[in-house]
Amino acid sequence: MPRGMSENSLANLAKGRVGRSGPNKATASVKQALQEAFDELGGVAALVKWGKSDPGAFYGIWSKMLPAEIKADVNVTDERSPAERLEAVVALLRAAGKTTAETAQDVDFKEQP
């Protein structure tokens, strides 16, 4: 074994990783291959055509690209009560396919004076 290299370091090198600060060569080559396949299959135009023909599958994949959590400060200036606003949020979550039992418990609702 080379001096200063652990078995784990050698295993990482064998997998295409060049070190702590270097890129993963295997991941980069897979991304490049996927980009080339995407381009050869028709690129964005083909993706739009597929999305129109099978919107359920398209949006299923698209939804996985969205961030799982969004942190934001929101100032609400409508006349609805806190309970009505919370119910509106729950309705939006239902429409997005989220389960309200799990999601509603995760909502940290604080009334601003």
N, C-alpha and C. Protein backbone atom coordinates (compact mmCIF):
# COMPACT_ATOMS: atom_id res chain seq x y z
N MET A 1 0.86 -1.17 0.00
CA MET A 1 0.00 0.00 0.00
C MET A 1 0.90 1.24 0.00
N PRO A 2 0.59 2.23 -0.84
CA PRO A 2 1.40 3.44 -0.88
C PRO A 2 1.40 4.15 0.46
N ARG A 3 2.50 4.81 0.76
CA ARG A 3 2.65 5.53 2.02
C ARG A 3 1.60 6.65 2.13
N GLY A 4 0.95 6.74 3.29
CA GLY A 4 -0.02 7.78 3.54
C GLY A 4 -1.40 7.50 2.96
N MET A 5 -1.62 6.32 2.38
CA MET A 5 -2.91 6.00 1.79
C MET A 5 -3.54 4.87 2.60
N SER A 6 -4.78 5.04 2.98
CA SER A 6 -5.49 3.98 3.69
C SER A 6 -6.19 3.08 2.67
N GLU A 7 -6.70 1.95 3.15
CA GLU A 7 -7.46 1.06 2.26
C GLU A 7 -8.67 1.79 1.71
N ASN A 8 -9.31 2.60 2.54
CA ASN A 8 -10.48 3.36 2.12
C ASN A 8 -10.12 4.33 1.00
N SER A 9 -8.97 5.00 1.11
CA SER A 9 -8.53 5.93 0.07
C SER A 9 -8.30 5.20 -1.24
N LEU A 10 -7.68 4.02 -1.18
CA LEU A 10 -7.44 3.23 -2.39
C LEU A 10 -8.75 2.77 -3.01
N ALA A 11 -9.71 2.39 -2.17
CA ALA A 11 -11.02 1.97 -2.67
C ALA A 11 -11.71 3.12 -3.38
N ASN A 12 -11.61 4.33 -2.81
CA ASN A 12 -12.21 5.50 -3.44
C ASN A 12 -11.55 5.81 -4.78
N LEU A 13 -10.24 5.67 -4.86
CA LEU A 13 -9.54 5.89 -6.13
C LEU A 13 -10.00 4.88 -7.17
N ALA A 14 -10.20 3.64 -6.75
CA ALA A 14 -10.65 2.60 -7.68
C ALA A 14 -12.06 2.90 -8.20
N LYS A 15 -12.85 3.63 -7.42
CA LYS A 15 -14.21 3.98 -7.84
C LYS A 15 -14.23 5.23 -8.70
N GLY A 16 -13.07 5.84 -8.93
CA GLY A 16 -13.01 7.02 -9.78
C GLY A 16 -12.92 8.31 -9.01
N ARG A 17 -12.89 8.25 -7.69
CA ARG A 17 -12.79 9.46 -6.89
C ARG A 17 -11.32 9.84 -6.76
N VAL A 18 -11.02 11.10 -6.98
CA VAL A 18 -9.62 11.52 -6.99
C VAL A 18 -9.14 12.08 -5.66
N GLY A 19 -9.98 12.26 -4.73
CA GLY A 19 -9.57 12.79 -3.44
C GLY A 19 -10.65 13.64 -2.82
N ARG A 20 -10.35 14.20 -1.67
CA ARG A 20 -11.36 14.98 -0.95
C ARG A 20 -11.89 16.16 -1.74
N SER A 21 -11.03 16.84 -2.46
CA SER A 21 -11.47 18.03 -3.16
C SER A 21 -11.72 17.80 -4.64
N GLY A 22 -11.43 16.64 -5.14
CA GLY A 22 -11.58 16.38 -6.56
C GLY A 22 -12.96 15.85 -6.91
N PRO A 23 -13.32 15.93 -8.18
CA PRO A 23 -14.63 15.45 -8.61
C PRO A 23 -14.67 13.93 -8.69
N ASN A 24 -15.87 13.39 -8.62
CA ASN A 24 -16.07 11.96 -8.80
C ASN A 24 -16.14 11.71 -10.30
N LYS A 25 -15.13 11.06 -10.85
CA LYS A 25 -15.05 10.87 -12.30
C LYS A 25 -16.18 9.99 -12.83
N ALA A 26 -16.56 8.98 -12.06
CA ALA A 26 -17.63 8.09 -12.50
C ALA A 26 -18.95 8.87 -12.60
N THR A 27 -19.25 9.68 -11.61
CA THR A 27 -20.48 10.48 -11.63
C THR A 27 -20.46 11.45 -12.80
N ALA A 28 -19.33 12.09 -13.03
CA ALA A 28 -19.22 13.04 -14.14
C ALA A 28 -19.44 12.34 -15.48
N SER A 29 -18.90 11.14 -15.65
CA SER A 29 -19.06 10.44 -16.93
C SER A 29 -20.49 9.97 -17.11
N VAL A 30 -21.16 9.57 -16.04
CA VAL A 30 -22.57 9.17 -16.14
C VAL A 30 -23.43 10.38 -16.50
N LYS A 31 -23.17 11.52 -15.87
CA LYS A 31 -23.92 12.74 -16.19
C LYS A 31 -23.72 13.12 -17.65
N GLN A 32 -22.49 13.01 -18.13
CA GLN A 32 -22.20 13.33 -19.53
C GLN A 32 -22.94 12.38 -20.46
N ALA A 33 -22.95 11.09 -20.14
CA ALA A 33 -23.64 10.11 -20.98
C ALA A 33 -25.14 10.39 -21.00
N LEU A 34 -25.71 10.73 -19.85
CA LEU A 34 -27.14 11.06 -19.80
C LEU A 34 -27.45 12.31 -20.61
N GLN A 35 -26.58 13.30 -20.55
CA GLN A 35 -26.79 14.52 -21.34
C GLN A 35 -26.76 14.20 -22.83
N GLU A 36 -25.80 13.37 -23.25
CA GLU A 36 -25.71 13.00 -24.66
C GLU A 36 -26.95 12.22 -25.10
N ALA A 37 -27.42 11.30 -24.26
CA ALA A 37 -28.62 10.53 -24.59
C ALA A 37 -29.84 11.45 -24.67
N PHE A 38 -29.95 12.38 -23.75
CA PHE A 38 -31.04 13.35 -23.75
C PHE A 38 -31.03 14.14 -25.06
N ASP A 39 -29.88 14.60 -25.46
CA ASP A 39 -29.76 15.37 -26.70
C ASP A 39 -30.13 14.52 -27.92
N GLU A 40 -29.66 13.28 -27.97
CA GLU A 40 -29.94 12.41 -29.11
C GLU A 40 -31.41 11.99 -29.17
N LEU A 41 -32.08 11.95 -28.01
CA LEU A 41 -33.50 11.59 -27.98
C LEU A 41 -34.41 12.77 -28.32
N GLY A 42 -33.84 13.92 -28.58
CA GLY A 42 -34.65 15.05 -29.00
C GLY A 42 -34.62 16.22 -28.06
N GLY A 43 -33.90 16.12 -26.96
CA GLY A 43 -33.72 17.23 -26.03
C GLY A 43 -35.02 17.71 -25.42
N VAL A 44 -35.13 19.02 -25.25
CA VAL A 44 -36.28 19.63 -24.58
C VAL A 44 -37.56 19.37 -25.37
N ALA A 45 -37.50 19.44 -26.68
CA ALA A 45 -38.70 19.23 -27.50
C ALA A 45 -39.29 17.83 -27.25
N ALA A 46 -38.44 16.82 -27.19
CA ALA A 46 -38.91 15.46 -26.92
C ALA A 46 -39.45 15.34 -25.50
N LEU A 47 -38.83 16.04 -24.56
CA LEU A 47 -39.30 16.02 -23.18
C LEU A 47 -40.69 16.64 -23.08
N VAL A 48 -40.92 17.73 -23.78
CA VAL A 48 -42.23 18.37 -23.80
C VAL A 48 -43.26 17.43 -24.43
N LYS A 49 -42.91 16.79 -25.52
CA LYS A 49 -43.82 15.85 -26.18
C LYS A 49 -44.20 14.72 -25.22
N TRP A 50 -43.21 14.16 -24.54
CA TRP A 50 -43.48 13.09 -23.57
C TRP A 50 -44.35 13.60 -22.43
N GLY A 51 -44.06 14.81 -21.93
CA GLY A 51 -44.86 15.38 -20.84
C GLY A 51 -46.31 15.56 -21.23
N LYS A 52 -46.56 15.92 -22.48
CA LYS A 52 -47.94 16.07 -22.95
C LYS A 52 -48.63 14.71 -23.10
N SER A 53 -47.88 13.70 -23.52
CA SER A 53 -48.48 12.38 -23.73
C SER A 53 -48.67 11.60 -22.42
N ASP A 54 -47.85 11.88 -21.42
CA ASP A 54 -47.96 11.18 -20.14
C ASP A 54 -47.67 12.15 -18.99
N PRO A 55 -48.60 13.09 -18.74
CA PRO A 55 -48.34 14.11 -17.73
C PRO A 55 -48.16 13.55 -16.32
N GLY A 56 -48.81 12.45 -16.00
CA GLY A 56 -48.65 11.86 -14.67
C GLY A 56 -47.22 11.45 -14.39
N ALA A 57 -46.62 10.76 -15.35
CA ALA A 57 -45.22 10.33 -15.18
C ALA A 57 -44.29 11.53 -15.19
N PHE A 58 -44.57 12.48 -16.09
CA PHE A 58 -43.72 13.67 -16.17
C PHE A 58 -43.71 14.43 -14.85
N TYR A 59 -44.91 14.73 -14.32
CA TYR A 59 -44.97 15.49 -13.08
C TYR A 59 -44.51 14.68 -11.88
N GLY A 60 -44.60 13.36 -11.97
CA GLY A 60 -44.05 12.52 -10.91
C GLY A 60 -42.55 12.70 -10.79
N ILE A 61 -41.88 12.76 -11.93
CA ILE A 61 -40.43 12.97 -11.94
C ILE A 61 -40.11 14.42 -11.57
N TRP A 62 -40.88 15.35 -12.15
CA TRP A 62 -40.65 16.77 -11.89
C TRP A 62 -40.78 17.09 -10.40
N SER A 63 -41.77 16.48 -9.74
CA SER A 63 -41.98 16.76 -8.31
C SER A 63 -40.80 16.32 -7.46
N LYS A 64 -40.06 15.32 -7.91
CA LYS A 64 -38.88 14.86 -7.17
C LYS A 64 -37.72 15.85 -7.27
N MET A 65 -37.81 16.76 -8.23
CA MET A 65 -36.76 17.76 -8.41
C MET A 65 -36.97 18.97 -7.49
N LEU A 66 -38.17 19.10 -6.93
CA LEU A 66 -38.48 20.23 -6.06
C LEU A 66 -37.80 20.06 -4.71
N PRO A 67 -37.42 21.14 -4.06
CA PRO A 67 -36.81 21.01 -2.73
C PRO A 67 -37.83 20.45 -1.74
N ALA A 68 -37.34 19.63 -0.82
CA ALA A 68 -38.22 19.00 0.16
C ALA A 68 -38.73 20.01 1.18
N GLU A 69 -37.95 21.03 1.43
CA GLU A 69 -38.32 22.02 2.45
C GLU A 69 -37.92 23.40 1.96
N ILE A 70 -38.80 24.34 2.18
CA ILE A 70 -38.51 25.72 1.80
C ILE A 70 -38.62 26.58 3.04
N LYS A 71 -37.57 27.30 3.34
CA LYS A 71 -37.58 28.23 4.48
C LYS A 71 -37.88 29.62 3.95
N ALA A 72 -38.89 30.26 4.53
CA ALA A 72 -39.23 31.60 4.07
C ALA A 72 -39.99 32.34 5.16
N ASP A 73 -39.80 33.65 5.21
CA ASP A 73 -40.61 34.50 6.06
C ASP A 73 -41.74 35.03 5.19
N VAL A 74 -42.97 34.83 5.66
CA VAL A 74 -44.13 35.22 4.87
C VAL A 74 -44.97 36.19 5.68
N ASN A 75 -45.29 37.30 5.08
CA ASN A 75 -46.21 38.26 5.71
C ASN A 75 -47.54 38.18 5.00
N VAL A 76 -48.59 37.85 5.76
CA VAL A 76 -49.92 37.68 5.20
C VAL A 76 -50.73 38.93 5.49
N THR A 77 -51.36 39.46 4.45
CA THR A 77 -52.14 40.68 4.63
C THR A 77 -53.61 40.47 4.27
N ASP A 78 -54.09 39.24 4.34
CA ASP A 78 -55.50 39.04 4.04
C ASP A 78 -56.33 39.03 5.32
N GLU A 79 -57.63 39.00 5.15
CA GLU A 79 -58.54 39.13 6.28
C GLU A 79 -58.98 37.78 6.85
N ARG A 80 -58.44 36.69 6.34
CA ARG A 80 -58.85 35.38 6.85
C ARG A 80 -58.28 35.14 8.24
N SER A 81 -58.97 34.32 9.00
CA SER A 81 -58.48 33.96 10.33
C SER A 81 -57.30 33.00 10.18
N PRO A 82 -56.49 32.84 11.23
CA PRO A 82 -55.38 31.88 11.15
C PRO A 82 -55.85 30.48 10.79
N ALA A 83 -56.98 30.06 11.32
CA ALA A 83 -57.50 28.72 11.01
C ALA A 83 -57.88 28.61 9.53
N GLU A 84 -58.48 29.67 8.97
CA GLU A 84 -58.84 29.65 7.55
C GLU A 84 -57.60 29.63 6.66
N ARG A 85 -56.58 30.36 7.04
CA ARG A 85 -55.34 30.36 6.26
C ARG A 85 -54.67 29.00 6.33
N LEU A 86 -54.66 28.39 7.51
CA LEU A 86 -54.06 27.07 7.66
C LEU A 86 -54.82 26.05 6.83
N GLU A 87 -56.15 26.13 6.82
CA GLU A 87 -56.95 25.21 6.01
C GLU A 87 -56.64 25.38 4.53
N ALA A 88 -56.40 26.61 4.09
CA ALA A 88 -56.04 26.86 2.69
C ALA A 88 -54.70 26.22 2.36
N VAL A 89 -53.75 26.29 3.28
CA VAL A 89 -52.44 25.65 3.07
C VAL A 89 -52.61 24.14 2.99
N VAL A 90 -53.42 23.58 3.88
CA VAL A 90 -53.65 22.13 3.86
C VAL A 90 -54.30 21.71 2.55
N ALA A 91 -55.23 22.52 2.04
CA ALA A 91 -55.86 22.21 0.75
C ALA A 91 -54.83 22.20 -0.37
N LEU A 92 -53.90 23.15 -0.35
CA LEU A 92 -52.83 23.17 -1.35
C LEU A 92 -51.95 21.94 -1.24
N LEU A 93 -51.64 21.54 -0.02
CA LEU A 93 -50.82 20.34 0.18
C LEU A 93 -51.54 19.10 -0.33
N ARG A 94 -52.86 19.02 -0.08
CA ARG A 94 -53.64 17.90 -0.60
C ARG A 94 -53.57 17.87 -2.12
N ALA A 95 -53.74 19.03 -2.74
CA ALA A 95 -53.70 19.11 -4.20
C ALA A 95 -52.35 18.69 -4.74
N ALA A 96 -51.29 18.91 -3.96
CA ALA A 96 -49.94 18.52 -4.38
C ALA A 96 -49.64 17.07 -4.07
N GLY A 97 -50.62 16.34 -3.48
CA GLY A 97 -50.43 14.92 -3.20
C GLY A 97 -49.76 14.63 -1.88
N LYS A 98 -49.64 15.62 -1.01
CA LYS A 98 -49.04 15.40 0.30
C LYS A 98 -50.14 14.90 1.25
N THR A 99 -49.76 14.06 2.19
CA THR A 99 -50.75 13.59 3.15
C THR A 99 -50.91 14.63 4.24
N THR A 100 -52.13 15.02 4.50
CA THR A 100 -52.37 16.10 5.45
C THR A 100 -52.05 15.69 6.88
N ALA A 101 -52.21 14.43 7.22
CA ALA A 101 -51.94 14.00 8.60
C ALA A 101 -50.48 14.24 8.95
N GLU A 102 -49.58 13.91 8.04
CA GLU A 102 -48.16 14.11 8.31
C GLU A 102 -47.77 15.57 8.13
N THR A 103 -48.26 16.18 7.07
CA THR A 103 -47.83 17.52 6.71
C THR A 103 -48.38 18.57 7.66
N ALA A 104 -49.64 18.46 8.05
CA ALA A 104 -50.25 19.46 8.91
C ALA A 104 -49.53 19.52 10.26
N GLN A 105 -49.00 18.41 10.73
CA GLN A 105 -48.27 18.41 12.00
C GLN A 105 -46.93 19.12 11.86
N ASP A 106 -46.39 19.17 10.66
CA ASP A 106 -45.10 19.80 10.44
C ASP A 106 -45.20 21.31 10.27
N VAL A 107 -46.42 21.85 10.13
CA VAL A 107 -46.60 23.27 9.91
C VAL A 107 -46.42 24.00 11.22
N ASP A 108 -45.49 24.94 11.25
CA ASP A 108 -45.25 25.76 12.43
C ASP A 108 -45.92 27.11 12.19
N PHE A 109 -47.15 27.24 12.62
CA PHE A 109 -47.95 28.43 12.33
C PHE A 109 -47.85 29.38 13.51
N LYS A 110 -47.34 30.60 13.22
CA LYS A 110 -47.21 31.62 14.27
C LYS A 110 -47.93 32.85 13.81
N GLU A 111 -48.86 33.31 14.60
CA GLU A 111 -49.61 34.53 14.29
C GLU A 111 -48.74 35.73 14.57
N GLN A 112 -48.62 36.61 13.59
CA GLN A 112 -47.87 37.86 13.75
C GLN A 112 -48.82 38.93 14.28
N PRO A 113 -48.37 39.76 15.20
CA PRO A 113 -49.27 40.82 15.72
C PRO A 113 -49.56 41.88 14.68
